[in-house]
Protein backbone atom coordinates (compact mmCIF):
# COMPACT_ATOMS: atom_id res chain seq x y z
CA MET A 1 -10.87 19.81 -5.44
CA TYR A 2 -14.70 19.87 -6.21
CA VAL A 3 -15.36 21.56 -9.80
CA PRO A 4 -19.24 22.31 -10.55
CA SER A 5 -18.96 24.00 -13.66
CA PHE A 6 -15.18 25.16 -14.33
CA GLN A 7 -12.00 26.15 -13.13
CA GLU A 8 -10.02 29.00 -14.78
CA CYS A 9 -6.14 29.87 -14.87
CA ASP A 10 -4.69 33.11 -16.52
CA PHE A 11 -1.72 31.84 -18.52
CA THR A 12 0.99 34.16 -20.00
CA LYS A 13 1.78 32.96 -23.97
CA LYS A 14 4.94 34.11 -25.17
CA ARG A 15 4.53 33.55 -28.64
CA SER A 16 1.52 33.54 -31.24
CA ASP A 17 2.83 30.83 -33.69
CA THR A 18 3.07 28.44 -30.71
CA TYR A 19 0.58 26.13 -29.38
CA LEU A 20 -0.94 25.12 -25.93
CA ARG A 21 -0.81 21.80 -24.42
CA VAL A 22 -3.23 21.18 -21.83
CA VAL A 23 -4.05 18.40 -19.50
CA TYR A 24 -6.76 17.24 -16.79
CA MET A 25 -5.55 14.27 -14.49
CA GLY A 26 -8.20 13.44 -12.14
CA ASN A 27 -11.47 11.57 -11.65
CA THR A 28 -14.79 12.30 -12.91
CA ARG A 29 -18.42 10.55 -12.39
CA ILE A 30 -21.98 11.11 -13.11
CA THR A 31 -25.05 9.80 -11.05
CA GLY A 32 -28.70 9.76 -10.42
CA CYS A 33 -29.70 9.16 -13.91
CA SER A 34 -30.03 6.52 -16.73
CA SER A 35 -29.20 7.00 -20.50
CA CYS A 36 -27.38 10.14 -19.51
CA CYS A 37 -23.99 11.79 -20.53
CA ARG A 38 -21.92 14.86 -19.34
CA ARG A 39 -18.72 16.09 -21.01
CA TRP A 40 -15.77 17.97 -19.73
CA TYR A 41 -13.73 20.12 -21.77
CA PHE A 42 -11.18 23.39 -22.15
CA THR A 43 -11.65 26.53 -23.31
CA PHE A 44 -9.19 29.44 -24.14
CA ASN A 45 -10.60 33.06 -23.45
CA ASP A 46 -14.09 31.41 -23.23
CA VAL A 47 -14.00 29.65 -26.59
CA GLU A 48 -13.43 26.24 -27.07
CA CYS A 49 -10.43 24.95 -29.48
CA ARG A 50 -10.60 25.09 -32.92
CA ALA A 51 -7.29 24.25 -34.28
CA PRO A 52 -7.25 21.49 -34.53
CA ALA A 53 -10.38 20.58 -32.65
CA THR A 54 -12.31 20.59 -29.22
CA ILE A 55 -10.32 19.16 -26.33
CA ASP A 56 -12.93 17.29 -24.24
CA GLY A 57 -13.76 13.99 -22.57
CA LEU A 58 -16.97 12.56 -21.58
CA VAL A 59 -18.91 10.00 -19.28
CA TYR A 60 -22.00 8.26 -20.63
CA GLN A 61 -24.03 5.54 -18.56
CA SER A 62 -27.02 3.60 -19.64
CA THR A 63 -28.09 2.69 -16.03
CA ASN A 64 -28.13 4.76 -12.63
CA ILE A 65 -24.69 3.96 -10.81
CA ASN A 66 -22.03 5.87 -9.17
CA ILE A 67 -18.62 5.14 -10.06
CA HIS A 68 -15.73 7.53 -9.74
CA ARG A 69 -12.87 6.62 -12.10
CA SER A 70 -9.61 8.55 -13.18
CA SER A 71 -9.40 10.15 -16.47
CA ASN A 72 -6.98 11.89 -18.60
CA ILE A 73 -8.16 14.58 -21.05
CA GLU A 74 -5.41 16.04 -23.11
CA GLY A 75 -4.90 17.83 -26.37
CA TYR A 76 -2.84 20.57 -28.21
CA CYS A 77 -4.59 23.82 -29.48
CA GLY A 78 -3.10 26.54 -31.96
CA GLY A 79 -4.41 30.10 -33.38
CA ILE A 80 -4.06 31.80 -29.87
CA ALA A 81 -2.30 35.06 -29.61
CA SER A 82 0.38 35.82 -27.54
CA GLY A 83 0.04 37.64 -24.18
CA LYS A 84 -2.58 36.59 -21.16
CA VAL A 85 -4.88 33.65 -22.14
CA ARG A 86 -7.64 32.71 -19.84
CA VAL A 87 -7.72 28.79 -19.75
CA GLY A 88 -10.98 27.20 -18.47
CA PHE A 89 -11.92 23.58 -17.59
CA HIS A 90 -15.53 23.25 -17.81
CA VAL A 91 -18.21 20.51 -17.25
CA GLY A 92 -21.37 20.54 -19.64
CA ASN A 93 -23.82 18.57 -21.56
CA CYS A 94 -23.17 16.40 -24.22
CA LYS A 95 -24.25 16.20 -27.92
CA ALA A 96 -28.00 15.16 -28.01
CA TYR A 97 -28.02 14.79 -24.33
CA PRO A 98 -29.31 18.29 -22.95
CA LYS A 99 -30.46 16.95 -19.95
CA SER A 100 -27.93 18.15 -17.16
CA ALA A 101 -26.99 15.09 -14.87
CA ASP A 102 -25.26 15.16 -11.41
CA ALA A 103 -21.47 15.32 -12.30
CA LEU A 104 -18.49 15.37 -10.01
CA THR A 105 -15.04 16.33 -10.61
CA SER A 106 -11.92 14.97 -8.48
CA TRP A 107 -13.63 13.56 -5.68
CA ASN A 108 -11.30 12.25 -2.49
CA ALA A 109 -8.18 12.80 -4.63
CA ILE A 110 -5.70 15.18 -5.86
CA SER A 111 -6.44 16.30 -9.47
CA ARG A 112 -3.92 18.38 -11.63
CA ILE A 113 -4.46 20.85 -14.68
CA ILE A 114 -1.27 21.26 -16.71
CA ILE A 115 -0.75 24.27 -19.33
CA GLU A 116 2.24 24.02 -21.54
CA GLU A 117 3.43 26.19 -24.51
CA VAL A 118 5.10 24.13 -27.21
CA GLU A 119 6.49 24.59 -30.54
CA PRO A 120 4.15 24.82 -33.82
CA PRO A 121 3.78 22.09 -36.58
CA VAL A 122 6.61 22.16 -38.81
CA ASN A 123 5.09 19.34 -41.61
CA SER A 124 2.39 17.09 -42.16
CA CYS A 125 1.80 13.21 -41.51
CA ARG A 126 -0.34 10.63 -43.73
CA THR A 127 -2.88 8.41 -42.46
CA ASN A 128 -4.68 5.41 -43.75
CA LEU A 129 -7.77 6.02 -42.09
CA PRO A 130 -10.58 5.02 -44.52
CA ARG A 131 -12.75 7.99 -46.03
CA ASP A 132 -16.40 8.71 -45.06
CA ASN A 133 -17.85 6.23 -47.46
CA ALA A 134 -15.78 3.21 -46.57
CA PRO A 135 -17.67 0.30 -45.12
CA SER A 136 -15.36 0.20 -42.12
CA GLY A 137 -17.65 1.10 -39.15
CA LEU A 138 -16.19 4.70 -38.73
CA LYS A 139 -18.47 7.31 -38.92
CA ASN A 140 -18.30 11.14 -38.11
CA HIS A 141 -14.48 11.56 -38.49
CA SER A 142 -14.73 14.93 -40.21
CA ASN A 143 -12.79 16.70 -37.48
CA ARG A 144 -9.41 15.36 -38.34
CA ASN A 145 -6.09 16.82 -38.36
CA TRP A 146 -2.24 16.26 -37.72
CA LEU A 147 -0.32 18.16 -35.60
CA VAL A 148 3.45 17.64 -35.90
CA THR A 149 6.03 19.56 -33.86
CA GLN A 150 9.87 19.94 -34.23
CA LYS A 151 10.22 17.25 -31.77
CA GLY A 152 8.79 14.64 -34.42
CA MET A 153 5.36 14.31 -32.63
CA CYS A 154 2.20 13.65 -34.70
CA SER A 155 -0.88 14.19 -32.83
CA TYR A 156 -4.31 13.20 -34.65
CA ALA A 157 -7.37 14.73 -33.56
CA MET A 158 -10.36 12.81 -34.94
CA GLU A 159 -14.23 12.53 -33.98
CA MET A 160 -15.18 9.09 -35.11
CA SER A 161 -17.36 6.13 -33.88
CA VAL A 162 -15.87 2.89 -34.45
CA ASN A 163 -17.89 -0.24 -33.92
CA ALA A 164 -15.32 -3.40 -33.58
CA LYS A 165 -17.72 -5.71 -34.82
CA LEU A 166 -17.33 -4.20 -38.27
CA CYS A 167 -13.87 -2.58 -38.01
CA MET A 168 -11.11 -4.42 -36.28
CA ASN A 169 -8.46 -2.22 -37.47
CA THR A 170 -9.31 1.15 -35.96
CA PHE A 171 -6.49 3.41 -37.41
CA GLU A 172 -3.26 3.28 -39.17
CA CYS A 173 -0.54 5.95 -39.71
CA ASP A 174 2.90 6.12 -41.40
CA PHE A 175 5.50 7.63 -39.25
CA THR A 176 8.82 8.46 -40.67
CA LYS A 177 11.43 7.45 -37.92
CA LYS A 178 14.68 9.36 -37.94
CA ARG A 179 16.94 6.95 -36.09
CA SER A 180 17.05 3.18 -35.31
CA ASP A 181 18.02 3.56 -31.51
CA THR A 182 15.41 5.56 -30.58
CA TYR A 183 11.95 5.03 -28.95
CA LEU A 184 8.44 5.62 -30.45
CA ARG A 185 5.96 7.03 -27.51
CA VAL A 186 2.55 6.22 -28.44
CA VAL A 187 -0.79 7.79 -26.87
CA TYR A 188 -4.23 7.21 -27.27
CA MET A 189 -6.70 9.48 -25.49
CA GLY A 190 -10.45 8.98 -26.02
CA ASN A 191 -13.40 7.03 -24.68
CA THR A 192 -13.94 3.15 -24.92
CA ARG A 193 -16.77 1.15 -23.95
CA ILE A 194 -18.37 -2.62 -24.42
CA THR A 195 -21.91 -3.39 -23.99
CA GLY A 196 -24.44 -6.18 -24.69
CA CYS A 197 -22.55 -8.93 -22.78
CA SER A 198 -21.74 -10.05 -19.19
CA SER A 199 -18.32 -11.39 -18.12
CA CYS A 200 -16.87 -9.97 -21.57
CA CYS A 201 -13.76 -8.23 -22.26
CA LYS A 202 -12.10 -6.38 -25.13
CA ARG A 203 -8.60 -4.95 -25.70
CA TRP A 204 -7.27 -1.83 -27.51
CA TYR A 205 -3.70 -1.88 -28.55
CA PHE A 206 -0.63 -0.50 -30.59
CA THR A 207 1.26 -2.21 -33.49
CA PHE A 208 4.33 -1.39 -35.10
CA ASN A 209 4.73 -2.44 -39.05
CA ASP A 210 1.57 -4.96 -38.11
CA VAL A 211 3.38 -6.23 -35.09
CA GLU A 212 2.78 -5.66 -31.32
CA CYS A 213 5.65 -3.80 -29.32
CA ARG A 214 8.34 -6.60 -27.76
CA ALA A 215 10.72 -3.95 -26.47
CA PRO A 216 9.97 -3.87 -23.91
CA ALA A 217 6.46 -5.08 -24.05
CA THR A 218 2.91 -4.67 -25.74
CA ILE A 219 0.92 -1.61 -25.64
CA ASP A 220 -2.52 -2.00 -24.70
CA GLY A 221 -5.60 -1.18 -22.47
CA LEU A 222 -8.83 -3.28 -21.88
CA VAL A 223 -12.43 -2.96 -20.68
CA TYR A 224 -13.85 -5.72 -18.70
CA GLN A 225 -17.48 -6.18 -17.35
CA SER A 226 -19.24 -8.83 -15.17
CA THR A 227 -22.62 -7.61 -15.93
CA ASN A 228 -24.19 -5.94 -19.21
CA ILE A 229 -24.06 -2.27 -18.92
CA ASN A 230 -23.32 0.81 -21.26
CA ILE A 231 -20.77 3.04 -20.15
CA HIS A 232 -18.51 5.13 -22.29
CA ARG A 233 -15.55 6.49 -20.15
CA SER A 234 -12.24 8.37 -20.90
CA ALA A 235 -9.26 6.13 -21.40
CA ASN A 236 -5.41 6.81 -21.82
CA ILE A 237 -3.28 4.20 -23.41
CA GLU A 238 0.31 5.22 -23.53
CA GLY A 239 3.56 3.40 -23.86
CA TYR A 240 6.98 3.32 -25.27
CA CYS A 241 8.31 0.88 -28.05
CA GLY A 242 12.11 0.46 -28.70
CA GLY A 243 13.63 -1.81 -31.44
CA ILE A 244 12.30 -0.05 -34.53
CA ALA A 245 14.23 0.51 -37.54
CA SER A 246 14.30 3.94 -38.81
CA GLY A 247 12.41 5.09 -41.87
CA LYS A 248 8.67 4.80 -42.33
CA VAL A 249 6.81 2.86 -39.54
CA ARG A 250 3.30 1.99 -39.91
CA VAL A 251 1.75 2.64 -36.42
CA GLY A 252 -1.49 0.96 -35.94
CA PHE A 253 -4.14 1.14 -33.28
CA HIS A 254 -6.51 -1.87 -32.96
CA VAL A 255 -9.21 -3.36 -31.12
CA GLY A 256 -9.21 -7.24 -30.45
CA ASN A 257 -10.17 -9.92 -28.07
CA CYS A 258 -8.61 -10.33 -24.55
CA LYS A 259 -6.83 -13.40 -23.43
CA ALA A 260 -9.18 -16.01 -22.21
CA TYR A 261 -12.13 -14.20 -23.82
CA PRO A 262 -12.13 -15.18 -27.40
CA LYS A 263 -15.79 -14.19 -28.07
CA SER A 264 -16.45 -11.20 -30.16
CA VAL A 265 -18.48 -8.34 -28.19
CA ASP A 266 -19.73 -4.92 -29.21
CA ALA A 267 -16.84 -2.43 -28.75
CA LEU A 268 -17.00 1.45 -29.34
CA THR A 269 -14.16 3.73 -29.60
CA SER A 270 -14.45 7.33 -29.17
CA TRP A 271 -18.07 8.04 -29.21
CA ASN A 272 -19.63 11.65 -29.11
CA ALA A 273 -16.20 13.38 -28.49
CA ILE A 274 -12.98 14.15 -29.85
CA SER A 275 -10.00 11.72 -29.33
CA ARG A 276 -6.41 12.18 -30.22
CA ILE A 277 -3.60 9.60 -31.21
CA ILE A 278 0.08 10.89 -30.39
CA ILE A 279 3.26 9.47 -32.10
CA GLU A 280 6.39 10.90 -30.79
CA GLU A 281 10.05 9.80 -31.26
CA VAL A 282 11.94 10.15 -28.08
CA GLU A 283 15.62 9.49 -26.81
CA PRO A 284 16.46 6.01 -25.93
CA PRO A 285 16.67 5.16 -22.06
CA VAL A 286 19.82 5.90 -19.98
CA LEU A 287 20.90 2.71 -17.90
């Protein structure tokens, strides 16, 4: 499937108080340009999401290359009336990058767009994300909202830039876990990049009460590059963690060094687009 500008689908929404969960899973790329950027985004009846925020992902590159990589662009949108909803998936220009670049969507592989109606928020979560004037390296995170559903899921929509040289502890949230035998599902959806180095590596990872997951394993993702380039690409870091007692759980999302690569390098998280962190309590595995 090649999507030059958009893909549209009519979806029948049963209730006005519910949210729509939308997902694009496939590859994206830009080429034929340097210092260029393109974004992929969802619309609902020809308007981008406003409750809580835009659902998008992007590709930026500092030099002219041609790399197709898998992307996962996902989010929740409220404030949509019941009835027929025209859901669109588009390709457009990034903020501050008006020049159109050669963008390609879903090359040589099957891609999927998922649309799902889900329950509305029922309460709120608390975050320890620093304020705008904190010397933490976080910038432009004014678009921040929690979405909490009846399934006990927190989705934090944010627009921020986190420079790992200044802010190693990227994000923290206090989540109330109802049972000790359940698992926590955590997801980061946004872009990541490293630059200013060759043969270098940085990792992004979750912690639970300041400890990485041990049941079954660490939940992390990384970026390694052999040559000095500057590419922002959508990333999806997701996993399940057990062995966590009920009650308040401090969930953290961090940036750190990779094994065997102790040198700190310039890492950036969630640049020029909305990112989301989802925390969900789920039933334990059935063996």
